[in-house]
Protein backbone atom coordinates (compact mmCIF):
# COMPACT_ATOMS: atom_id res chain seq x y z
CA MET A 1 81.48 118.97 106.20
CA VAL A 2 77.71 119.25 106.60
CA LYS A 3 76.63 119.41 110.23
CA GLY A 4 73.50 117.52 111.17
CA ARG A 5 71.98 114.70 113.10
CA HIS A 6 74.20 112.28 111.14
CA ALA A 7 77.85 113.27 110.58
CA LEU A 8 79.33 112.12 107.31
CA PRO A 9 82.08 109.51 107.55
CA PRO A 10 85.35 109.93 105.62
CA PRO A 11 84.66 109.54 101.89
CA PRO A 12 85.86 106.56 99.88
CA GLY A 13 88.87 107.34 97.74
CA HIS A 14 88.19 108.28 94.14
CA GLY A 15 89.05 105.68 91.54
CA PHE A 16 89.27 101.90 91.54
CA PRO A 17 92.26 99.53 91.41
CA THR A 18 93.17 97.77 88.18
CA GLY A 19 91.88 94.50 89.60
CA GLU A 20 88.38 95.97 89.80
CA PHE A 21 88.32 96.75 86.07
CA ALA A 22 89.94 93.46 85.15
CA GLY A 23 87.30 91.61 87.14
CA ARG A 24 84.48 93.50 85.46
CA THR A 25 86.00 92.71 82.06
CA ARG A 26 86.31 88.99 82.80
CA ARG A 27 82.70 88.87 84.00
CA ILE A 28 81.39 90.53 80.87
CA GLN A 29 83.54 88.24 78.69
CA GLN A 30 81.92 85.21 80.34
CA LEU A 31 78.53 86.66 79.45
CA MET A 32 79.75 87.36 75.91
CA ALA A 33 80.78 83.73 75.53
CA ALA A 34 77.35 82.60 76.69
CA ALA A 35 75.76 84.89 74.07
CA THR A 36 78.16 83.71 71.31
CA LEU A 37 79.74 87.12 70.80
CA ASP A 38 83.24 87.51 69.38
CA ALA A 39 83.51 91.15 70.45
CA LEU A 40 81.62 93.92 72.18
CA LEU A 41 81.43 97.49 70.83
CA LEU A 42 80.78 100.16 73.48
CA THR A 43 80.27 103.88 72.88
CA THR A 44 78.60 105.42 75.94
CA PRO A 45 80.39 107.24 78.77
CA GLN A 46 79.01 104.95 81.48
CA ASN A 47 80.19 101.77 79.76
CA PHE A 48 83.58 103.32 78.97
CA ARG A 49 84.00 104.31 82.61
CA TYR A 50 82.73 100.98 83.90
CA LEU A 51 85.43 99.00 82.10
CA THR A 52 88.30 101.51 81.94
CA GLY A 53 87.87 104.09 84.70
CA TYR A 54 88.10 106.85 82.10
CA ALA A 55 86.16 109.90 83.26
CA SER A 56 85.99 113.20 81.39
CA GLN A 57 83.72 116.21 81.10
CA PHE A 58 84.52 116.07 77.39
CA TRP A 59 81.61 113.69 76.90
CA GLU A 60 79.49 116.85 76.84
CA SER A 61 80.85 117.44 73.34
CA PRO A 62 79.07 115.28 70.75
CA THR A 63 81.50 116.08 67.92
CA ARG A 64 83.86 113.11 68.24
CA PRO A 65 82.85 109.43 68.53
CA TRP A 66 84.62 107.18 71.06
CA PHE A 67 84.81 103.41 70.79
CA LEU A 68 85.73 100.68 73.25
CA VAL A 69 86.17 97.18 71.86
CA VAL A 70 86.02 94.24 74.26
CA PRO A 71 87.42 91.02 72.73
CA LEU A 72 86.26 87.62 73.87
CA GLN A 73 89.69 87.18 75.46
CA GLY A 74 92.24 89.75 76.58
CA ASP A 75 91.93 93.35 77.66
CA PRO A 76 89.69 96.02 76.08
CA ILE A 77 90.96 98.12 73.19
CA ALA A 78 90.29 101.87 73.06
CA VAL A 79 89.70 103.32 69.58
CA ILE A 80 89.45 107.01 70.35
CA PRO A 81 90.26 110.53 69.10
CA GLU A 82 93.86 111.65 69.58
CA ILE A 83 92.70 114.35 71.99
CA GLY A 84 91.87 111.66 74.56
CA GLY A 85 94.90 109.45 74.07
CA ALA A 86 97.08 110.82 76.86
CA GLN A 87 94.39 110.57 79.54
CA MET A 88 93.29 107.13 78.37
CA GLY A 89 96.91 106.10 78.76
CA ALA A 90 96.61 106.85 82.47
CA THR A 91 94.01 104.06 82.82
CA TRP A 92 94.79 100.34 82.97
CA LEU A 93 94.40 99.97 79.19
CA ARG A 94 97.52 99.49 77.09
CA ASP A 95 96.08 99.04 73.59
CA ILE A 96 94.98 102.54 72.60
CA ARG A 97 94.44 103.36 68.93
CA THR A 98 93.79 106.95 67.88
CA TRP A 99 92.96 109.08 64.88
CA PRO A 100 93.00 112.88 64.37
CA ALA A 101 89.32 113.66 65.03
CA PRO A 102 87.08 115.25 63.98
CA ARG A 103 87.45 113.90 60.47
CA PRO A 104 83.94 113.68 58.98
CA GLU A 105 85.02 111.72 55.92
CA ASP A 106 86.29 108.88 58.15
CA ASP A 107 85.87 109.62 61.84
CA GLY A 108 87.57 106.53 63.17
CA LEU A 109 85.33 104.06 61.33
CA SER A 110 88.06 102.44 59.22
CA LEU A 111 90.30 102.08 62.29
CA LEU A 112 87.39 100.58 64.21
CA ALA A 113 86.45 98.23 61.36
CA ASP A 114 90.04 96.98 61.12
CA THR A 115 90.10 96.36 64.87
CA LEU A 116 86.81 94.48 64.90
CA GLY A 117 87.58 92.52 61.74
CA VAL A 118 90.63 90.87 63.29
CA LEU A 119 88.77 89.94 66.49
CA THR A 120 85.64 88.43 64.96
CA ARG A 121 86.74 85.30 63.16
CA HIS A 122 84.57 82.70 64.93
CA SER A 123 80.87 83.50 65.15
CA GLY A 124 81.23 86.86 63.42
CA ARG A 125 78.78 88.31 65.94
CA ILE A 126 79.55 91.76 67.35
CA GLY A 127 77.52 92.89 70.34
CA ALA A 128 76.46 96.53 70.59
CA GLU A 129 74.37 98.81 72.81
CA MET A 130 71.06 98.30 71.02
CA GLY A 131 68.58 97.43 73.78
CA ARG A 132 66.44 99.28 76.30
CA GLU A 133 68.15 101.89 78.48
CA MET A 134 71.30 101.47 76.38
CA PRO A 135 71.47 104.24 73.73
CA MET A 136 74.40 103.99 71.33
CA ARG A 137 76.47 107.19 71.19
CA LEU A 138 77.01 106.95 67.46
CA PRO A 139 74.96 108.49 64.64
CA LEU A 140 72.76 105.97 62.87
CA LEU A 141 74.37 106.76 59.52
CA GLU A 142 77.81 106.04 60.97
CA PHE A 143 76.60 102.77 62.46
CA GLN A 144 75.16 101.75 59.11
CA ALA A 145 78.47 102.61 57.43
CA LEU A 146 80.32 100.45 59.97
CA SER A 147 77.99 97.53 59.24
CA ARG A 148 78.68 97.89 55.51
CA ALA A 149 82.43 97.90 56.21
CA LEU A 150 82.05 94.51 57.93
CA PRO A 151 79.82 92.60 55.47
CA ASP A 152 80.71 89.18 56.88
CA HIS A 153 79.78 90.15 60.44
CA GLN A 154 76.51 90.55 62.28
CA MET A 155 75.76 93.40 64.68
CA VAL A 156 73.51 92.14 67.48
CA ASP A 157 72.02 93.51 70.70
CA ALA A 158 74.32 92.97 73.68
CA SER A 159 72.39 95.01 76.23
CA SER A 160 71.33 91.92 78.16
CA ALA A 161 74.94 90.85 78.76
CA ILE A 162 75.99 94.40 79.63
CA TRP A 163 73.21 94.82 82.17
CA GLN A 164 73.76 91.40 83.69
CA ALA A 165 77.30 92.51 84.43
CA ARG A 166 76.44 95.98 85.67
CA MET A 167 73.38 95.15 87.79
CA VAL A 168 75.43 93.31 90.41
CA LYS A 169 77.76 95.77 92.16
CA SER A 170 81.13 95.28 93.80
CA GLU A 171 81.68 96.48 97.36
CA ALA A 172 83.72 99.38 95.97
CA GLU A 173 80.79 100.48 93.80
CA ILE A 174 78.38 100.12 96.71
CA ALA A 175 80.63 102.33 98.86
CA CYS A 176 80.35 105.15 96.30
CA ILE A 177 76.55 104.89 96.13
CA ARG A 178 76.34 104.77 99.93
CA TYR A 179 78.41 107.93 100.26
CA ALA A 180 76.32 109.78 97.67
CA ALA A 181 73.18 108.70 99.55
CA LEU A 182 74.59 109.88 102.88
CA ILE A 183 75.35 113.30 101.42
CA ALA A 184 71.78 113.63 100.17
CA SER A 185 70.29 112.18 103.38
CA THR A 186 72.13 114.66 105.58
CA ALA A 187 71.10 117.59 103.40
CA TYR A 188 67.47 116.42 103.45
CA GLU A 189 67.49 116.20 107.25
CA GLU A 190 68.62 119.80 107.59
CA LEU A 191 66.47 121.34 104.86
CA HIS A 192 63.45 122.08 107.07
CA GLU A 193 65.74 124.10 109.34
CA TYR A 194 66.58 126.77 106.74
CA VAL A 195 63.81 126.65 104.12
CA ARG A 196 60.95 129.03 104.87
CA ILE A 197 57.54 129.96 103.49
CA GLY A 198 58.02 132.50 100.71
CA MET A 199 61.17 130.94 99.27
CA THR A 200 60.94 129.87 95.65
CA GLU A 201 61.55 126.38 94.32
CA ARG A 202 64.57 127.70 92.46
CA GLU A 203 66.05 129.24 95.61
CA ILE A 204 65.61 125.94 97.45
CA ASN A 205 67.25 124.06 94.58
CA SER A 206 70.23 126.42 94.64
CA LEU A 207 70.68 126.16 98.41
CA LEU A 208 70.43 122.39 98.44
CA THR A 209 72.85 122.03 95.52
CA ARG A 210 75.48 124.19 97.23
CA LYS A 211 75.16 122.26 100.48
CA MET A 212 75.56 118.88 98.81
CA LEU A 213 78.55 120.02 96.77
CA ALA A 214 80.14 121.43 99.92
CA ALA A 215 79.56 118.07 101.63
CA GLY A 216 81.57 116.24 98.98
CA ALA A 217 79.25 115.44 96.09
CA ASP A 218 81.00 115.43 92.72
CA ALA A 219 77.88 116.75 90.98
CA VAL A 220 74.14 117.21 91.45
CA PRO A 221 72.77 116.55 87.96
CA PHE A 222 69.22 115.69 89.08
CA LEU A 223 67.30 117.81 91.58
CA PRO A 224 63.60 118.44 90.86
CA VAL A 225 62.07 120.76 93.47
CA ILE A 226 58.28 120.85 93.12
CA SER A 227 55.53 122.33 95.28
CA GLY A 228 51.77 122.61 95.18
CA PRO A 229 48.74 123.33 97.37
CA GLY A 230 47.86 120.15 99.24
CA GLY A 231 50.05 118.05 96.96
CA VAL A 232 51.90 117.94 93.65
CA GLU A 233 50.61 116.82 90.29
CA GLN A 234 53.97 115.73 88.85
CA ILE A 235 57.43 114.79 90.10
CA VAL A 236 59.82 115.23 87.17
CA ALA A 237 59.87 118.90 86.10
CA GLY A 238 61.20 121.70 88.25
CA PRO A 239 62.27 123.88 89.92
CA GLY A 240 60.20 126.87 88.89
CA GLU A 241 59.62 130.33 90.29
CA ARG A 242 56.71 129.32 92.51
CA ALA A 243 57.05 130.52 96.12
CA LEU A 244 56.11 128.25 99.01
CA GLU A 245 52.77 128.96 100.67
CA ALA A 246 51.21 127.61 103.85
CA GLY A 247 49.39 124.36 103.10
CA ASP A 248 51.75 123.35 100.30
CA VAL A 249 53.46 120.02 99.85
CA LEU A 250 57.14 120.27 98.88
CA PHE A 251 58.60 117.36 96.92
CA ILE A 252 62.34 117.02 96.28
CA ASP A 253 64.09 114.20 94.43
CA THR A 254 67.88 114.02 94.36
CA GLY A 255 70.46 112.36 92.16
CA VAL A 256 73.86 113.13 93.68
CA THR A 257 76.97 111.53 92.18
CA TYR A 258 80.17 110.40 93.85
CA ASP A 259 82.97 108.97 91.69
CA GLY A 260 80.51 108.36 88.87
CA TYR A 261 77.79 106.64 90.94
CA PHE A 262 74.32 107.98 91.69
CA CYS A 263 72.01 107.97 94.61
CA ASP A 264 68.34 108.55 93.80
CA PHE A 265 65.68 109.13 96.42
CA ASP A 266 63.11 111.74 97.38
CA ARG A 267 61.62 113.39 100.43
CA VAL A 268 58.25 115.09 100.99
CA TYR A 269 57.78 118.08 103.32
CA ALA A 270 54.66 119.70 104.71
CA VAL A 271 54.69 123.48 104.42
CA GLY A 272 52.89 124.45 107.59
CA GLU A 273 49.74 122.38 108.05
CA VAL A 274 48.58 120.01 105.32
CA GLY A 275 45.32 118.11 105.06
CA GLU A 276 44.55 114.76 106.64
CA GLU A 277 44.18 113.14 103.20
CA CYS A 278 47.76 114.03 102.32
CA ARG A 279 49.10 112.82 105.68
CA ARG A 280 47.31 109.48 105.28
CA ALA A 281 48.74 109.07 101.78
CA HIS A 282 52.24 109.85 103.03
CA ASP A 283 51.86 107.24 105.74
CA ALA A 284 50.65 104.70 103.19
CA VAL A 285 53.68 105.11 100.91
CA TRP A 286 55.99 105.04 103.96
CA CYS A 287 54.42 101.75 105.05
CA ALA A 288 54.61 100.37 101.50
CA THR A 289 58.31 101.22 101.46
CA GLN A 290 58.81 99.48 104.79
CA ALA A 291 56.95 96.40 103.57
CA ALA A 292 59.38 96.13 100.65
CA ILE A 293 62.43 96.69 102.84
CA ASP A 294 61.24 94.08 105.35
CA GLY A 295 60.14 91.54 102.75
CA LEU A 296 62.91 91.72 100.16
CA ARG A 297 65.05 88.60 99.81
CA PRO A 298 67.49 87.43 97.13
CA GLY A 299 65.77 85.05 94.73
CA MET A 300 62.45 86.89 94.56
CA THR A 301 61.49 88.67 91.37
CA CYS A 302 60.98 92.38 90.82
CA GLU A 303 57.32 91.62 90.14
CA GLU A 304 57.04 90.00 93.57
CA LEU A 305 58.72 92.98 95.23
CA TRP A 306 56.22 95.26 93.47
CA GLY A 307 53.42 93.11 94.85
CA LEU A 308 54.54 93.73 98.44
CA MET A 309 54.21 97.47 97.93
CA ASN A 310 51.07 97.37 95.83
CA ALA A 311 49.16 95.41 98.47
CA VAL A 312 49.74 98.19 101.03
CA LEU A 313 48.73 100.92 98.58
CA GLU A 314 45.55 99.12 97.51
CA GLU A 315 44.53 98.74 101.13
CA ALA A 316 45.11 102.48 101.61
CA GLY A 317 42.80 103.30 98.72
CA SER A 318 45.26 104.39 96.05
CA LEU A 319 43.49 105.84 93.02
CA SER A 320 46.37 104.88 90.73
CA ASN A 321 50.13 104.61 90.42
CA ASN A 322 50.91 106.97 87.55
CA VAL A 323 54.69 106.56 87.88
CA GLY A 324 54.51 103.20 86.11
CA ARG A 325 56.78 101.24 88.43
CA MET A 326 57.80 101.20 92.09
CA GLY A 327 61.56 101.38 91.88
CA HIS A 328 64.48 100.39 89.72
CA GLY A 329 68.18 99.62 89.58
CA LEU A 330 70.77 102.24 90.46
CA GLY A 331 74.44 102.75 89.69
CA MET A 332 76.38 104.75 87.12
CA GLN A 333 73.05 105.95 85.77
CA LEU A 334 70.24 107.56 87.73
CA THR A 335 67.94 104.77 86.63
CA GLU A 336 69.06 101.33 85.52
CA PRO A 337 67.33 97.99 85.04
CA PRO A 338 65.47 96.20 86.50
CA SER A 339 62.04 97.73 87.19
CA HIS A 340 59.74 96.77 90.05
CA MET A 341 56.54 96.32 88.10
CA PRO A 342 54.14 93.64 86.88
CA GLY A 343 55.79 91.52 84.22
CA ASP A 344 59.41 92.11 85.25
CA LYS A 345 60.61 88.62 86.13
CA THR A 346 64.20 89.70 86.85
CA VAL A 347 65.51 87.67 89.77
CA ILE A 348 66.91 89.88 92.52
CA GLU A 349 70.48 88.94 93.42
CA GLU A 350 72.86 89.79 96.23
CA ASN A 351 74.75 93.07 95.72
CA MET A 352 72.16 94.57 93.42
CA VAL A 353 71.53 98.20 94.33
CA LEU A 354 67.87 99.13 94.02
CA THR A 355 65.47 101.93 94.75
CA ILE A 356 62.27 101.19 96.65
CA GLU A 357 59.77 103.70 95.26
CA PRO A 358 56.04 103.26 95.88
CA GLY A 359 53.75 106.03 94.75
CA MET A 360 50.05 106.74 94.63
CA GLU A 361 47.51 109.27 93.45
CA TYR A 362 45.47 110.00 96.57
CA ALA A 363 43.21 112.66 95.04
CA PRO A 364 42.62 113.80 91.45
CA GLY A 365 45.81 115.57 90.36
CA LYS A 366 47.56 114.94 93.71
CA MET A 367 50.30 112.33 93.97
CA ILE A 368 52.88 111.28 96.51
CA VAL A 369 55.99 109.15 96.03
CA HIS A 370 58.43 107.83 98.61
CA GLU A 371 61.86 106.42 97.81
CA GLU A 372 64.82 104.81 99.53
CA ASN A 373 68.06 103.26 98.22
CA ILE A 374 69.06 99.77 99.32
CA VAL A 375 71.62 97.11 98.55
CA VAL A 376 70.52 93.47 98.51
CA ARG A 377 72.28 91.24 101.01
CA ALA A 378 71.86 87.55 101.84
CA SER A 379 69.61 88.49 104.76
CA GLY A 380 67.58 91.06 102.84
CA ALA A 381 67.70 94.82 102.27
CA GLU A 382 70.44 97.03 103.69
CA LEU A 383 69.60 100.73 103.61
CA LEU A 384 72.04 103.05 101.85
CA SER A 385 69.93 106.18 102.33
CA LEU A 386 68.98 107.20 105.87
CA ARG A 387 65.39 106.12 106.46
CA ALA A 388 62.86 108.92 106.21
CA PRO A 389 60.70 109.67 109.24
CA ARG A 390 57.19 108.25 109.18
CA GLU A 391 55.73 111.74 109.57
CA MET A 392 56.64 114.47 107.11
CA TRP A 393 59.19 117.07 108.11
CA VAL A 394 57.53 120.48 108.43
CA VAL A 395 58.69 123.69 106.78
CA SER A 396 57.47 126.65 108.83
CA GLY A 397 57.34 130.41 108.44
């Protein structure tokens, strides 16, 4: 266990009870009915895991397609390669149909078409992962072949129904995100104690990864480590071989997973002494974050939440916000809908898990971003990450 100012509590158990998956399925079926869908076709690992609990590293192989069919009534049906049949049988699903994949001449498509054809006798509308932030894990040519095999049916975008279901989290999901955030928070708090001037970004990344894995993270798939004199010009690519120098700003963003759920928040460190302009900018984004945490209430829109943060940044003299938004949804993916930005009218509901992420360019080519993870409660925002200090932690020699 990581030692630090905050000791980690016992972790939640891995896995969810059958009732959790059944409840998710019934919720998404209600949304399907509202959208006049006879069936839902899912192909991505996150949607598979969300409704079945099936987790496998085999998703790294793109050779075989996997299909999950959700009927308007009843339990989901897995249409999958034989290689996954035994493990899928360990989930709550009982209708599992397999074929000997890979079989390029018919890689499960006829079996899938037969399954869908029986289920879609009312509207004939089949929902699929066609919308934003919902890439279908099926080659376009295969999808076109499936559509031809079902000439009396219509394939339509079901991403709205899928995201409506997934945006609101259960307490069990929230517990996983909270634990991932506590792992990252504790590692962040200790980092300034062992990172020194002269260490490279890659060395810091390696150290931090090992510490978070030792603390109980399942994986650390996202960990940009970026530094620069007086500030950083970007926040998405790294680490590199650059060594820390006095006067640098060190930016680290972390996406730790626990039982399939992400945290996602960053911290900014001063390497020795940094300029007053940078310190003022850091204070501005910290205050913008606090304004959002204090002002968030269920029923407001993401656009309104953005406005709380933007007002603070404008007063501080922000040159621009080149990130494009000031936070987003969080769950089985590092970033999920909605987005806190002008034009996003999504109504914030209880049990949504969100990031609060104001950012600003405070000098040409110098930007700063601050981020926390929260869950929406009836009374407002409940922090899942441990709140960052108002003043930057300092990395010394």
